[in-house]
Amino acid sequence: MSAVDNASSNNPESSYEINKNAKHPSPMVEEEQNVCFGGPGAVLVNLLTSLRHLPPAMLSSLIVMALSWLSWFPFFLFDTDWMGREVYHGDPKGNDSVAVKAYDAGVREGAFGLLLNSVVLGISSFLLEPMCQRMGARLVWAMSNFIVFACMAGTAIISLVSVNKYITEGIQHAIGENRAIKIASLVIFALLGFPLSITYSVPFSITSDLTADTGGGQGLAIGVLNLAIVIPQMIVSLGAGPWDALFSGGNIPAFVLAPLFALAASVTATLKLPNLSSGSFKSSGFHFG
């Protein structure tokens, strides 16, 4: 007989406690186990019903996350189209080949901007741990949303400068890009890589820290947090087109709303998110072998 078995047989109270805990898991653990069973509908119901077991601070985290992604998705969905239309003044359905070629050139330049964005994102990811340990994850997340606010406001300003007669003559009133505006657009693409690296990691770290003492419900909390990404994506995907159509098309209306959501996310994060330990954000590092 092993030492563990001897301990269990000599201490019936501990054996009873183990059996009691096995029969009566904590609500968060029970909800998380239930998510693994049933169809997609059951998973969604379990995620929504689990909201009542989450700590109060999680509500603020969900609000900030939703506002953040409401500001990000207009850029994600229309970034290359914005380059083709507002920066290069092209038209994918133009009657002449010049407008179509200008649009294609803008889309290619937008793809290059996304490459710059990814490079900056990768480099910035190495800075997140020391930043969070020095400033705190709450302020880092709030700062990232303020940077998004500034950059997305920059896209709206660039659009208005690039197409200064868009109200009366439409978006495609001129063909070809302005070099200064083109460079400014690429700079914005690159700068957005820094807050994007924060958006991809810090909110999940904050959620894990907030739910660390809820009895093992961190996985379920992350699933609920993902709803604050999916729902804004659906809202922007379904609503951006009709919203832009109200203002004679183009991407400017959606890009004007984006910085407002980012500013709201920054203010909410600063005022509503709890102060977390500066050492709670810790990278697992690289492991070889």
C-alpha atoms as a PDB file:
ATOM      1  CA  MET A   1       0.000   0.000   0.000  1.00  0.00           C
ATOM      2  CA  SER A   2       1.357   3.447  -0.952  1.00  0.00           C
ATOM      3  CA  ALA A   3       1.927   6.302   1.444  1.00  0.00           C
ATOM      4  CA  VAL A   4      -1.000   8.181  -0.065  1.00  0.00           C
ATOM      5  CA  ASP A   5      -3.319   5.237   0.577  1.00  0.00           C
ATOM      6  CA  ASN A   6      -2.102   4.968   4.182  1.00  0.00           C
ATOM      7  CA  ALA A   7      -2.723   8.667   4.711  1.00  0.00           C
ATOM      8  CA  SER A   8      -6.210   8.397   3.292  1.00  0.00           C
ATOM      9  CA  SER A   9      -7.105   5.355   5.384  1.00  0.00           C
ATOM     10  CA  ASN A  10      -5.719   6.921   8.575  1.00  0.00           C
ATOM     11  CA  ASN A  11      -7.526  10.223   7.974  1.00  0.00           C
ATOM     12  CA  PRO A  12     -11.165   9.554   7.018  1.00  0.00           C
ATOM     13  CA  GLU A  13     -12.035  13.249   7.314  1.00  0.00           C
ATOM     14  CA  SER A  14      -9.676  14.198   4.486  1.00  0.00           C
ATOM     15  CA  SER A  15     -11.068  11.355   2.387  1.00  0.00           C
ATOM     16  CA  TYR A  16     -14.554  12.675   3.057  1.00  0.00           C
ATOM     17  CA  GLU A  17     -13.516  16.198   2.028  1.00  0.00           C
ATOM     18  CA  ILE A  18     -12.046  14.898  -1.236  1.00  0.00           C
ATOM     19  CA  ASN A  19     -15.244  13.012  -2.036  1.00  0.00           C
ATOM     20  CA  LYS A  20     -17.332  16.039  -1.069  1.00  0.00           C
ATOM     21  CA  ASN A  21     -15.374  18.346  -3.354  1.00  0.00           C
ATOM     22  CA  ALA A  22     -15.616  15.856  -6.176  1.00  0.00           C
ATOM     23  CA  LYS A  23     -19.390  15.699  -5.818  1.00  0.00           C
ATOM     24  CA  HIS A  24     -19.871  19.432  -5.345  1.00  0.00           C
ATOM     25  CA  PRO A  25     -17.482  21.383  -7.568  1.00  0.00           C
ATOM     26  CA  SER A  26     -17.506  25.153  -7.541  1.00  0.00           C
ATOM     27  CA  PRO A  27     -20.040  26.848  -9.855  1.00  0.00           C
ATOM     28  CA  MET A  28     -17.347  28.121 -12.220  1.00  0.00           C
ATOM     29  CA  VAL A  29     -15.756  24.676 -12.527  1.00  0.00           C
ATOM     30  CA  GLU A  30     -19.164  23.099 -13.120  1.00  0.00           C
ATOM     31  CA  GLU A  31     -20.000  25.666 -15.812  1.00  0.00           C
ATOM     32  CA  GLU A  32     -16.640  25.136 -17.486  1.00  0.00           C
ATOM     33  CA  GLN A  33     -17.170  21.363 -17.532  1.00  0.00           C
ATOM     34  CA  ASN A  34     -20.645  21.811 -19.026  1.00  0.00           C
ATOM     35  CA  VAL A  35     -19.232  23.901 -21.884  1.00  0.00           C
ATOM     36  CA  CYS A  36     -17.382  20.841 -23.119  1.00  0.00           C
ATOM     37  CA  PHE A  37     -20.656  19.000 -23.790  1.00  0.00           C
ATOM     38  CA  GLY A  38     -23.580  19.688 -26.067  1.00  0.00           C
ATOM     39  CA  GLY A  39     -23.876  21.481 -29.345  1.00  0.00           C
ATOM     40  CA  PRO A  40     -22.932  25.043 -30.261  1.00  0.00           C
ATOM     41  CA  GLY A  41     -26.197  26.334 -28.824  1.00  0.00           C
ATOM     42  CA  ALA A  42     -25.491  24.720 -25.467  1.00  0.00           C
ATOM     43  CA  VAL A  43     -21.998  26.192 -25.451  1.00  0.00           C
ATOM     44  CA  LEU A  44     -23.344  29.680 -26.087  1.00  0.00           C
ATOM     45  CA  VAL A  45     -26.012  29.304 -23.383  1.00  0.00           C
ATOM     46  CA  ASN A  46     -23.403  28.130 -20.879  1.00  0.00           C
ATOM     47  CA  LEU A  47     -21.149  31.043 -21.730  1.00  0.00           C
ATOM     48  CA  LEU A  48     -23.966  33.541 -21.217  1.00  0.00           C
ATOM     49  CA  THR A  49     -25.248  31.958 -17.992  1.00  0.00           C
ATOM     50  CA  SER A  50     -21.710  31.898 -16.606  1.00  0.00           C
ATOM     51  CA  LEU A  51     -21.747  35.706 -16.503  1.00  0.00           C
ATOM     52  CA  ARG A  52     -23.465  35.570 -13.120  1.00  0.00           C
ATOM     53  CA  HIS A  53     -20.458  33.737 -11.632  1.00  0.00           C
ATOM     54  CA  LEU A  54     -17.849  36.186 -12.896  1.00  0.00           C
ATOM     55  CA  PRO A  55     -16.362  38.803 -10.560  1.00  0.00           C
ATOM     56  CA  PRO A  56     -17.851  42.324 -10.879  1.00  0.00           C
ATOM     57  CA  ALA A  57     -14.616  43.713 -12.340  1.00  0.00           C
ATOM     58  CA  MET A  58     -15.043  41.422 -15.359  1.00  0.00           C
ATOM     59  CA  LEU A  59     -17.942  43.571 -16.582  1.00  0.00           C
ATOM     60  CA  SER A  60     -15.591  46.532 -16.998  1.00  0.00           C
ATOM     61  CA  SER A  61     -13.119  44.322 -18.840  1.00  0.00           C
ATOM     62  CA  LEU A  62     -15.840  43.143 -21.220  1.00  0.00           C
ATOM     63  CA  ILE A  63     -16.965  46.712 -21.913  1.00  0.00           C
ATOM     64  CA  VAL A  64     -13.425  47.890 -22.649  1.00  0.00           C
ATOM     65  CA  MET A  65     -12.820  44.860 -24.867  1.00  0.00           C
ATOM     66  CA  ALA A  66     -15.997  45.459 -26.876  1.00  0.00           C
ATOM     67  CA  LEU A  67     -15.257  49.155 -27.351  1.00  0.00           C
ATOM     68  CA  SER A  68     -11.687  48.348 -28.367  1.00  0.00           C
ATOM     69  CA  TRP A  69     -12.768  45.968 -31.095  1.00  0.00           C
ATOM     70  CA  LEU A  70     -15.480  48.325 -32.316  1.00  0.00           C
ATOM     71  CA  SER A  71     -12.619  50.710 -33.069  1.00  0.00           C
ATOM     72  CA  TRP A  72     -10.365  48.048 -34.594  1.00  0.00           C
ATOM     73  CA  PHE A  73     -12.727  46.284 -36.984  1.00  0.00           C
ATOM     74  CA  PRO A  74     -13.367  49.203 -39.371  1.00  0.00           C
ATOM     75  CA  PHE A  75      -9.622  49.265 -39.978  1.00  0.00           C
ATOM     76  CA  PHE A  76      -9.300  45.475 -40.249  1.00  0.00           C
ATOM     77  CA  LEU A  77     -12.170  45.162 -42.715  1.00  0.00           C
ATOM     78  CA  PHE A  78     -11.535  48.195 -44.915  1.00  0.00           C
ATOM     79  CA  ASP A  79      -7.837  49.096 -44.584  1.00  0.00           C
ATOM     80  CA  THR A  80      -6.723  48.128 -48.086  1.00  0.00           C
ATOM     81  CA  ASP A  81      -9.971  49.382 -49.604  1.00  0.00           C
ATOM     82  CA  TRP A  82      -9.335  52.694 -47.822  1.00  0.00           C
ATOM     83  CA  MET A  83      -5.904  52.896 -49.401  1.00  0.00           C
ATOM     84  CA  GLY A  84      -7.339  52.171 -52.827  1.00  0.00           C
ATOM     85  CA  ARG A  85     -10.221  54.650 -52.634  1.00  0.00           C
ATOM     86  CA  GLU A  86      -9.366  57.514 -50.276  1.00  0.00           C
ATOM     87  CA  VAL A  87      -5.571  57.589 -50.636  1.00  0.00           C
ATOM     88  CA  TYR A  88      -5.092  56.528 -54.294  1.00  0.00           C
ATOM     89  CA  HIS A  89      -8.512  57.757 -55.485  1.00  0.00           C
ATOM     90  CA  GLY A  90      -9.127  54.579 -57.434  1.00  0.00           C
ATOM     91  CA  ASP A  91     -12.357  52.768 -58.164  1.00  0.00           C
ATOM     92  CA  PRO A  92     -12.592  48.958 -58.477  1.00  0.00           C
ATOM     93  CA  LYS A  93     -15.699  49.398 -60.646  1.00  0.00           C
ATOM     94  CA  GLY A  94     -14.402  52.364 -62.609  1.00  0.00           C
ATOM     95  CA  ASN A  95     -15.324  52.878 -66.246  1.00  0.00           C
ATOM     96  CA  ASP A  96     -11.723  53.534 -67.257  1.00  0.00           C
ATOM     97  CA  SER A  97      -8.629  51.445 -66.642  1.00  0.00           C
ATOM     98  CA  VAL A  98      -6.809  54.323 -64.928  1.00  0.00           C
ATOM     99  CA  ALA A  99      -9.192  54.316 -61.969  1.00  0.00           C
ATOM    100  CA  VAL A 100      -9.018  50.522 -61.663  1.00  0.00           C
ATOM    101  CA  LYS A 101      -5.212  50.509 -61.815  1.00  0.00           C
ATOM    102  CA  ALA A 102      -5.066  53.254 -59.196  1.00  0.00           C
ATOM    103  CA  TYR A 103      -7.286  51.211 -56.894  1.00  0.00           C
ATOM    104  CA  ASP A 104      -5.167  48.087 -57.402  1.00  0.00           C
ATOM    105  CA  ALA A 105      -2.011  50.065 -56.630  1.00  0.00           C
ATOM    106  CA  GLY A 106      -3.602  51.335 -53.435  1.00  0.00           C
ATOM    107  CA  VAL A 107      -4.602  47.835 -52.352  1.00  0.00           C
ATOM    108  CA  ARG A 108      -1.042  46.592 -52.928  1.00  0.00           C
ATOM    109  CA  GLU A 109       0.310  49.521 -50.920  1.00  0.00           C
ATOM    110  CA  GLY A 110      -2.161  48.703 -48.154  1.00  0.00           C
ATOM    111  CA  ALA A 111      -0.886  45.122 -48.100  1.00  0.00           C
ATOM    112  CA  PHE A 112       2.638  46.496 -47.678  1.00  0.00           C
ATOM    113  CA  GLY A 113       1.334  48.635 -44.812  1.00  0.00           C
ATOM    114  CA  LEU A 114      -0.021  45.496 -43.146  1.00  0.00           C
ATOM    115  CA  LEU A 115       3.436  43.956 -43.470  1.00  0.00           C
ATOM    116  CA  LEU A 116       4.892  46.941 -41.621  1.00  0.00           C
ATOM    117  CA  ASN A 117       2.125  46.569 -39.056  1.00  0.00           C
ATOM    118  CA  SER A 118       3.084  42.933 -38.425  1.00  0.00           C
ATOM    119  CA  VAL A 119       6.774  43.778 -38.044  1.00  0.00           C
ATOM    120  CA  VAL A 120       6.035  46.461 -35.453  1.00  0.00           C
ATOM    121  CA  LEU A 121       3.611  44.109 -33.691  1.00  0.00           C
ATOM    122  CA  GLY A 122       6.274  41.409 -33.410  1.00  0.00           C
ATOM    123  CA  ILE A 123       8.885  43.800 -32.036  1.00  0.00           C
ATOM    124  CA  SER A 124       6.430  45.390 -29.613  1.00  0.00           C
ATOM    125  CA  SER A 125       5.482  42.035 -28.125  1.00  0.00           C
ATOM    126  CA  PHE A 126       8.905  41.854 -26.466  1.00  0.00           C
ATOM    127  CA  LEU A 127       8.205  45.142 -24.664  1.00  0.00           C
ATOM    128  CA  LEU A 128       4.878  44.187 -23.131  1.00  0.00           C
ATOM    129  CA  GLU A 129       6.149  42.405 -20.029  1.00  0.00           C
ATOM    130  CA  PRO A 130       8.468  45.196 -18.793  1.00  0.00           C
ATOM    131  CA  MET A 131       5.813  47.808 -19.635  1.00  0.00           C
ATOM    132  CA  CYS A 132       3.095  46.010 -17.685  1.00  0.00           C
ATOM    133  CA  GLN A 133       5.386  45.409 -14.741  1.00  0.00           C
ATOM    134  CA  ARG A 134       6.372  49.072 -14.629  1.00  0.00           C
ATOM    135  CA  MET A 135       3.070  50.784 -15.493  1.00  0.00           C
ATOM    136  CA  GLY A 136       0.491  48.120 -14.711  1.00  0.00           C
ATOM    137  CA  ALA A 137      -1.649  46.239 -17.216  1.00  0.00           C
ATOM    138  CA  ARG A 138      -4.600  48.618 -16.736  1.00  0.00           C
ATOM    139  CA  LEU A 139      -2.684  51.713 -17.857  1.00  0.00           C
ATOM    140  CA  VAL A 140      -0.976  49.835 -20.685  1.00  0.00           C
ATOM    141  CA  TRP A 141      -4.344  48.750 -22.073  1.00  0.00           C
ATOM    142  CA  ALA A 142      -5.751  52.267 -21.673  1.00  0.00           C
ATOM    143  CA  MET A 143      -2.686  53.704 -23.421  1.00  0.00           C
ATOM    144  CA  SER A 144      -3.081  51.318 -26.351  1.00  0.00           C
ATOM    145  CA  ASN A 145      -6.664  52.445 -26.887  1.00  0.00           C
ATOM    146  CA  PHE A 146      -5.601  56.088 -26.812  1.00  0.00           C
ATOM    147  CA  ILE A 147      -2.979  55.348 -29.499  1.00  0.00           C
ATOM    148  CA  VAL A 148      -5.695  53.687 -31.590  1.00  0.00           C
ATOM    149  CA  PHE A 149      -7.810  56.807 -31.090  1.00  0.00           C
ATOM    150  CA  ALA A 150      -4.989  59.023 -32.382  1.00  0.00           C
ATOM    151  CA  CYS A 151      -4.187  56.776 -35.353  1.00  0.00           C
ATOM    152  CA  MET A 152      -7.793  56.264 -36.421  1.00  0.00           C
ATOM    153  CA  ALA A 153      -8.413  59.982 -36.127  1.00  0.00           C
ATOM    154  CA  GLY A 154      -5.365  60.345 -38.369  1.00  0.00           C
ATOM    155  CA  THR A 155      -6.946  58.115 -41.009  1.00  0.00           C
ATOM    156  CA  ALA A 156     -10.055  60.307 -41.013  1.00  0.00           C
ATOM    157  CA  ILE A 157      -7.950  63.466 -41.326  1.00  0.00           C
ATOM    158  CA  ILE A 158      -5.885  61.938 -44.127  1.00  0.00           C
ATOM    159  CA  SER A 159      -9.074  60.984 -45.945  1.00  0.00           C
ATOM    160  CA  LEU A 160     -10.494  64.489 -45.674  1.00  0.00           C
ATOM    161  CA  VAL A 161      -7.244  66.097 -46.794  1.00  0.00           C
ATOM    162  CA  SER A 162      -6.771  63.623 -49.628  1.00  0.00           C
ATOM    163  CA  VAL A 163     -10.302  64.033 -50.897  1.00  0.00           C
ATOM    164  CA  ASN A 164     -11.195  67.580 -49.862  1.00  0.00           C
ATOM    165  CA  LYS A 165     -14.176  67.740 -52.214  1.00  0.00           C
ATOM    166  CA  TYR A 166     -15.692  64.354 -51.386  1.00  0.00           C
ATOM    167  CA  ILE A 167     -18.966  65.852 -50.106  1.00  0.00           C
ATOM    168  CA  THR A 168     -19.913  67.490 -53.396  1.00  0.00           C
ATOM    169  CA  GLU A 169     -18.053  65.447 -56.010  1.00  0.00           C
ATOM    170  CA  GLY A 170     -17.809  61.970 -54.498  1.00  0.00           C
ATOM    171  CA  ILE A 171     -14.849  59.989 -53.302  1.00  0.00           C
ATOM    172  CA  GLN A 172     -13.263  59.249 -56.691  1.00  0.00           C
ATOM    173  CA  HIS A 173     -12.958  62.784 -58.046  1.00  0.00           C
ATOM    174  CA  ALA A 174      -9.216  62.569 -58.706  1.00  0.00           C
ATOM    175  CA  ILE A 175      -6.871  59.813 -59.808  1.00  0.00           C
ATOM    176  CA  GLY A 176      -3.491  59.056 -58.283  1.00  0.00           C
ATOM    177  CA  GLU A 177      -1.930  59.392 -54.840  1.00  0.00           C
ATOM    178  CA  ASN A 178      -0.196  62.250 -53.103  1.00  0.00           C
ATOM    179  CA  ARG A 179       3.267  61.165 -51.949  1.00  0.00           C
ATOM    180  CA  ALA A 180       3.074  62.860 -48.541  1.00  0.00           C
ATOM    181  CA  ILE A 181      -0.359  61.386 -47.851  1.00  0.00           C
ATOM    182  CA  LYS A 182       0.843  57.967 -48.972  1.00  0.00           C
ATOM    183  CA  ILE A 183       3.773  58.083 -46.525  1.00  0.00           C
ATOM    184  CA  ALA A 184       1.515  59.296 -43.702  1.00  0.00           C
ATOM    185  CA  SER A 185      -0.858  56.398 -44.378  1.00  0.00           C
ATOM    186  CA  LEU A 186       1.941  53.844 -44.189  1.00  0.00           C
ATOM    187  CA  VAL A 187       3.174  55.405 -40.942  1.00  0.00           C
ATOM    188  CA  ILE A 188      -0.291  54.913 -39.434  1.00  0.00           C
ATOM    189  CA  PHE A 189      -0.330  51.287 -40.603  1.00  0.00           C
ATOM    190  CA  ALA A 190       3.008  50.739 -38.867  1.00  0.00           C
ATOM    191  CA  LEU A 191       2.130  52.591 -35.653  1.00  0.00           C
ATOM    192  CA  LEU A 192      -1.034  50.558 -35.200  1.00  0.00           C
ATOM    193  CA  GLY A 193       1.119  47.458 -34.762  1.00  0.00           C
ATOM    194  CA  PHE A 194       2.094  48.594 -31.260  1.00  0.00           C
ATOM    195  CA  PRO A 195      -1.413  48.867 -29.746  1.00  0.00           C
ATOM    196  CA  LEU A 196      -2.430  45.749 -31.643  1.00  0.00           C
ATOM    197  CA  SER A 197       0.233  43.725 -29.811  1.00  0.00           C
ATOM    198  CA  ILE A 198      -1.288  44.955 -26.544  1.00  0.00           C
ATOM    199  CA  THR A 199      -4.842  44.156 -27.645  1.00  0.00           C
ATOM    200  CA  TYR A 200      -3.821  40.598 -28.524  1.00  0.00           C
ATOM    201  CA  SER A 201      -2.386  39.806 -25.082  1.00  0.00           C
ATOM    202  CA  VAL A 202      -2.978  42.196 -22.173  1.00  0.00           C
ATOM    203  CA  PRO A 203      -6.808  41.847 -21.981  1.00  0.00           C
ATOM    204  CA  PHE A 204      -6.477  38.084 -21.644  1.00  0.00           C
ATOM    205  CA  SER A 205      -3.858  38.484 -18.928  1.00  0.00           C
ATOM    206  CA  ILE A 206      -6.145  40.873 -17.043  1.00  0.00           C
ATOM    207  CA  THR A 207      -9.061  38.443 -17.364  1.00  0.00           C
ATOM    208  CA  SER A 208      -6.978  35.539 -16.059  1.00  0.00           C
ATOM    209  CA  ASP A 209      -5.855  37.647 -13.112  1.00  0.00           C
ATOM    210  CA  LEU A 210      -9.396  38.798 -12.298  1.00  0.00           C
ATOM    211  CA  THR A 211     -10.736  35.227 -12.315  1.00  0.00           C
ATOM    212  CA  ALA A 212      -7.749  33.549 -10.628  1.00  0.00           C
ATOM    213  CA  ASP A 213      -9.705  32.989  -7.400  1.00  0.00           C
ATOM    214  CA  THR A 214     -12.998  31.852  -8.889  1.00  0.00           C
ATOM    215  CA  GLY A 215     -12.326  28.142  -8.597  1.00  0.00           C
ATOM    216  CA  GLY A 216     -10.824  27.334 -11.970  1.00  0.00           C
ATOM    217  CA  GLY A 217     -13.124  29.344 -14.207  1.00  0.00           C
ATOM    218  CA  GLN A 218     -10.392  31.148 -16.145  1.00  0.00           C
ATOM    219  CA  GLY A 219     -10.978  29.165 -19.330  1.00  0.00           C
ATOM    220  CA  LEU A 220     -14.679  29.964 -19.241  1.00  0.00           C
ATOM    221  CA  ALA A 221     -13.937  33.639 -18.556  1.00  0.00           C
ATOM    222  CA  ILE A 222     -11.681  33.762 -21.625  1.00  0.00           C
ATOM    223  CA  GLY A 223     -14.543  32.293 -23.651  1.00  0.00           C
ATOM    224  CA  VAL A 224     -16.863  35.015 -22.402  1.00  0.00           C
ATOM    225  CA  LEU A 225     -14.201  37.614 -23.227  1.00  0.00           C
ATOM    226  CA  ASN A 226     -14.117  36.322 -26.798  1.00  0.00           C
ATOM    227  CA  LEU A 227     -17.799  37.231 -27.081  1.00  0.00           C
ATOM    228  CA  ALA A 228     -16.684  40.841 -26.648  1.00  0.00           C
ATOM    229  CA  ILE A 229     -14.680  40.350 -29.860  1.00  0.00           C
ATOM    230  CA  VAL A 230     -17.180  38.394 -31.933  1.00  0.00           C
ATOM    231  CA  ILE A 231     -20.202  40.607 -31.243  1.00  0.00           C
ATOM    232  CA  PRO A 232     -18.426  43.861 -32.264  1.00  0.00           C
ATOM    233  CA  GLN A 233     -17.209  42.112 -35.405  1.00  0.00           C
ATOM    234  CA  MET A 234     -20.781  41.219 -36.320  1.00  0.00           C
ATOM    235  CA  ILE A 235     -21.959  44.766 -35.591  1.00  0.00           C
ATOM    236  CA  VAL A 236     -19.281  46.360 -37.772  1.00  0.00           C
ATOM    237  CA  SER A 237     -19.642  43.784 -40.559  1.00  0.00           C
ATOM    238  CA  LEU A 238     -23.402  44.250 -40.797  1.00  0.00           C
ATOM    239  CA  GLY A 239     -23.612  47.940 -39.993  1.00  0.00           C
ATOM    240  CA  ALA A 240     -20.593  49.560 -41.659  1.00  0.00           C
ATOM    241  CA  GLY A 241     -21.972  49.237 -45.196  1.00  0.00           C
ATOM    242  CA  PRO A 242     -25.360  50.867 -44.505  1.00  0.00           C
ATOM    243  CA  TRP A 243     -23.652  53.492 -42.324  1.00  0.00           C
ATOM    244  CA  ASP A 244     -21.228  54.423 -45.116  1.00  0.00           C
ATOM    245  CA  ALA A 245     -24.082  54.428 -47.637  1.00  0.00           C
ATOM    246  CA  LEU A 246     -25.825  57.160 -45.636  1.00  0.00           C
ATOM    247  CA  PHE A 247     -22.910  59.453 -46.519  1.00  0.00           C
ATOM    248  CA  SER A 248     -22.570  58.624 -50.240  1.00  0.00           C
ATOM    249  CA  GLY A 249     -20.255  55.662 -49.784  1.00  0.00           C
ATOM    250  CA  GLY A 250     -16.549  55.492 -49.077  1.00  0.00           C
ATOM    251  CA  ASN A 251     -14.864  54.450 -45.852  1.00  0.00           C
ATOM    252  CA  ILE A 252     -14.684  57.831 -44.139  1.00  0.00           C
ATOM    253  CA  PRO A 253     -17.895  57.491 -42.028  1.00  0.00           C
ATOM    254  CA  ALA A 254     -16.769  54.210 -40.456  1.00  0.00           C
ATOM    255  CA  PHE A 255     -13.267  55.584 -39.908  1.00  0.00           C
ATOM    256  CA  VAL A 256     -14.736  58.618 -38.147  1.00  0.00           C
ATOM    257  CA  LEU A 257     -16.645  56.435 -35.672  1.00  0.00           C
ATOM    258  CA  ALA A 258     -13.619  54.229 -34.906  1.00  0.00           C
ATOM    259  CA  PRO A 259     -11.617  56.838 -32.932  1.00  0.00           C
ATOM    260  CA  LEU A 260     -14.704  57.651 -30.854  1.00  0.00           C
ATOM    261  CA  PHE A 261     -14.984  54.029 -29.741  1.00  0.00           C
ATOM    262  CA  ALA A 262     -11.235  53.914 -29.048  1.00  0.00           C
ATOM    263  CA  LEU A 263     -11.417  57.052 -26.909  1.00  0.00           C
ATOM    264  CA  ALA A 264     -14.361  55.621 -24.969  1.00  0.00           C
ATOM    265  CA  ALA A 265     -12.384  52.402 -24.406  1.00  0.00           C
ATOM    266  CA  SER A 266      -9.369  54.353 -23.142  1.00  0.00           C
ATOM    267  CA  VAL A 267     -11.418  56.412 -20.691  1.00  0.00           C
ATOM    268  CA  THR A 268     -13.358  53.358 -19.461  1.00  0.00           C
ATOM    269  CA  ALA A 269     -10.158  51.375 -18.936  1.00  0.00           C
ATOM    270  CA  THR A 270      -8.595  54.207 -16.960  1.00  0.00           C
ATOM    271  CA  LEU A 271     -11.608  54.813 -14.726  1.00  0.00           C
ATOM    272  CA  LYS A 272     -13.249  51.403 -14.352  1.00  0.00           C
ATOM    273  CA  LEU A 273     -10.618  48.664 -14.548  1.00  0.00           C
ATOM    274  CA  PRO A 274      -9.172  47.662 -11.157  1.00  0.00           C
ATOM    275  CA  ASN A 275      -5.553  48.272 -10.221  1.00  0.00           C
ATOM    276  CA  LEU A 276      -3.804  44.945 -10.660  1.00  0.00           C
ATOM    277  CA  SER A 277      -0.456  43.896  -9.296  1.00  0.00           C
ATOM    278  CA  SER A 278       2.356  45.062 -11.561  1.00  0.00           C
ATOM    279  CA  GLY A 279       3.870  41.592 -11.337  1.00  0.00           C
ATOM    280  CA  SER A 280       0.739  39.779 -12.467  1.00  0.00           C
ATOM    281  CA  PHE A 281       1.710  40.068 -16.129  1.00  0.00           C
ATOM    282  CA  LYS A 282       4.514  37.596 -16.638  1.00  0.00           C
ATOM    283  CA  SER A 283       5.664  36.035 -19.898  1.00  0.00           C
ATOM    284  CA  SER A 284       6.367  32.337 -20.035  1.00  0.00           C
ATOM    285  CA  GLY A 285       9.422  33.063 -22.159  1.00  0.00           C
ATOM    286  CA  PHE A 286      11.026  30.800 -24.765  1.00  0.00           C
ATOM    287  CA  HIS A 287      11.767  27.153 -24.148  1.00  0.00           C
ATOM    288  CA  PHE A 288      14.163  25.111 -26.228  1.00  0.00           C
ATOM    289  CA  GLY A 289      14.803  21.418 -26.204  1.00  0.00           C
END
